[in-house]
Amino acid sequence: MEQRDYVRRLLDAYRTTPGTCGVVRRPDRLLAAQLHQRGVPLEAVENALTLAAARRLARSVDAPPPPLGIIRSLAYFSPVIEEVLTLPVSPEYFRYLRQRIATFTSAQ
């Protein structure tokens, strides 16, 4: 995949991830280009966005909502991207997480 397409798709995924501000800045574009240059699969980045969003949304029903701010940078996801690159998890797990996130966000 060409860098331009990779960056566009990655930033579209970032912008629509629950908990993000929905705005793409220059540092986000630079990080996306760096991920492409490193050869990080787009699917791994999308899975990392999903995993991080699911972790932020997951909490006990009895617990008060955590004081989480809006994510304003793709760099927030960097540690999770690195984690996903080493996880031996099936694609079905990330599909499950996407379904759970969709259910949760549509209920709000």
Protein backbone atom coordinates (compact mmCIF):
# COMPACT_ATOMS: atom_id res chain seq x y z
CA MET A 1 0.00 0.00 0.00
CA GLU A 2 1.31 3.44 -0.85
CA GLN A 3 2.15 5.76 2.01
CA ARG A 4 -0.54 8.27 1.04
CA ASP A 5 -3.29 5.62 1.21
CA TYR A 6 -1.91 4.12 4.41
CA VAL A 7 -1.78 7.51 6.15
CA ARG A 8 -5.28 8.44 4.96
CA ARG A 9 -6.82 5.17 6.14
CA LEU A 10 -4.96 5.24 9.44
CA LEU A 11 -6.00 8.81 10.18
CA ASP A 12 -9.60 8.05 9.22
CA ALA A 13 -9.57 5.17 11.70
CA TYR A 14 -7.99 7.38 14.37
CA ARG A 15 -10.47 10.21 13.81
CA THR A 16 -13.46 7.89 14.24
CA THR A 17 -12.14 6.03 17.28
CA PRO A 18 -14.35 6.61 20.34
CA GLY A 19 -12.70 8.95 22.82
CA THR A 20 -10.71 10.92 20.26
CA CYS A 21 -11.36 14.56 19.45
CA GLY A 22 -11.92 13.73 15.78
CA VAL A 23 -9.30 16.21 14.60
CA VAL A 24 -6.07 15.28 12.83
CA ARG A 25 -3.01 17.44 13.39
CA ARG A 26 0.37 17.60 11.70
CA PRO A 27 2.11 15.44 14.36
CA ASP A 28 -0.55 12.77 13.77
CA ARG A 29 0.24 12.76 10.04
CA LEU A 30 3.96 12.53 10.77
CA LEU A 31 3.48 9.59 13.15
CA ALA A 32 1.27 7.81 10.62
CA ALA A 33 3.96 8.25 7.96
CA GLN A 34 6.59 6.92 10.38
CA LEU A 35 4.46 3.85 11.08
CA HIS A 36 4.23 3.23 7.34
CA GLN A 37 7.99 3.64 6.93
CA ARG A 38 8.55 1.15 9.77
CA GLY A 39 6.31 -1.34 7.99
CA VAL A 40 3.71 -1.50 10.75
CA PRO A 41 0.67 -3.23 9.27
CA LEU A 42 -2.40 -1.01 9.06
CA GLU A 43 -4.43 -3.80 10.61
CA ALA A 44 -2.18 -3.75 13.70
CA VAL A 45 -2.74 -0.01 14.13
CA GLU A 46 -6.51 -0.41 13.69
CA ASN A 47 -6.46 -3.23 16.24
CA ALA A 48 -4.51 -1.03 18.67
CA LEU A 49 -7.07 1.76 18.29
CA THR A 50 -9.81 -0.76 19.00
CA LEU A 51 -8.05 -2.24 22.02
CA ALA A 52 -7.32 1.15 23.57
CA ALA A 53 -10.90 2.34 23.01
CA ALA A 54 -12.30 -0.84 24.53
CA ARG A 55 -10.06 -0.46 27.58
CA ARG A 56 -11.24 3.11 28.07
CA LEU A 57 -14.88 2.11 27.78
CA ALA A 58 -14.64 -0.99 29.98
CA ARG A 59 -15.50 -0.42 33.60
CA SER A 60 -17.59 -1.91 36.32
CA VAL A 61 -21.28 -1.06 36.15
CA ASP A 62 -21.13 0.10 39.78
CA ALA A 63 -18.04 2.25 39.34
CA PRO A 64 -18.33 5.94 38.59
CA PRO A 65 -17.11 6.96 35.15
CA PRO A 66 -13.36 7.48 35.14
CA PRO A 67 -12.18 11.04 34.62
CA LEU A 68 -10.81 10.40 31.15
CA GLY A 69 -10.10 13.33 28.90
CA ILE A 70 -10.48 13.43 25.17
CA ILE A 71 -7.61 11.90 23.22
CA ARG A 72 -6.03 14.66 21.17
CA SER A 73 -3.08 12.86 19.59
CA LEU A 74 -2.36 9.67 17.71
CA ALA A 75 0.76 9.40 19.88
CA TYR A 76 -1.52 8.37 22.78
CA PHE A 77 -1.90 5.03 21.01
CA SER A 78 1.82 4.40 20.42
CA PRO A 79 2.32 2.06 23.40
CA VAL A 80 -0.77 0.07 22.46
CA ILE A 81 0.41 -0.21 18.85
CA GLU A 82 3.70 -1.67 20.09
CA GLU A 83 1.78 -4.02 22.40
CA VAL A 84 -0.50 -5.26 19.60
CA LEU A 85 2.52 -6.03 17.44
CA THR A 86 3.60 -8.60 20.05
CA LEU A 87 0.18 -10.01 21.00
CA PRO A 88 -0.68 -13.52 19.87
CA VAL A 89 -4.39 -12.68 19.55
CA SER A 90 -6.72 -13.85 16.82
CA PRO A 91 -8.49 -11.39 14.50
CA GLU A 92 -11.79 -12.67 15.95
CA TYR A 93 -10.96 -11.05 19.28
CA PHE A 94 -10.63 -7.63 17.68
CA ARG A 95 -13.89 -8.18 15.75
CA TYR A 96 -15.53 -8.98 19.09
CA LEU A 97 -14.13 -5.79 20.63
CA ARG A 98 -15.39 -3.71 17.69
CA GLN A 99 -18.87 -5.18 18.15
CA ARG A 100 -18.79 -4.42 21.88
CA ILE A 101 -17.66 -0.85 21.25
CA ALA A 102 -20.39 -0.35 18.65
CA THR A 103 -23.00 -1.68 21.07
CA PHE A 104 -21.74 0.53 23.88
CA THR A 105 -21.48 3.71 21.85
CA SER A 106 -24.90 3.24 20.23
CA ALA A 107 -26.47 2.84 23.70
CA GLN A 108 -25.20 6.23 24.84
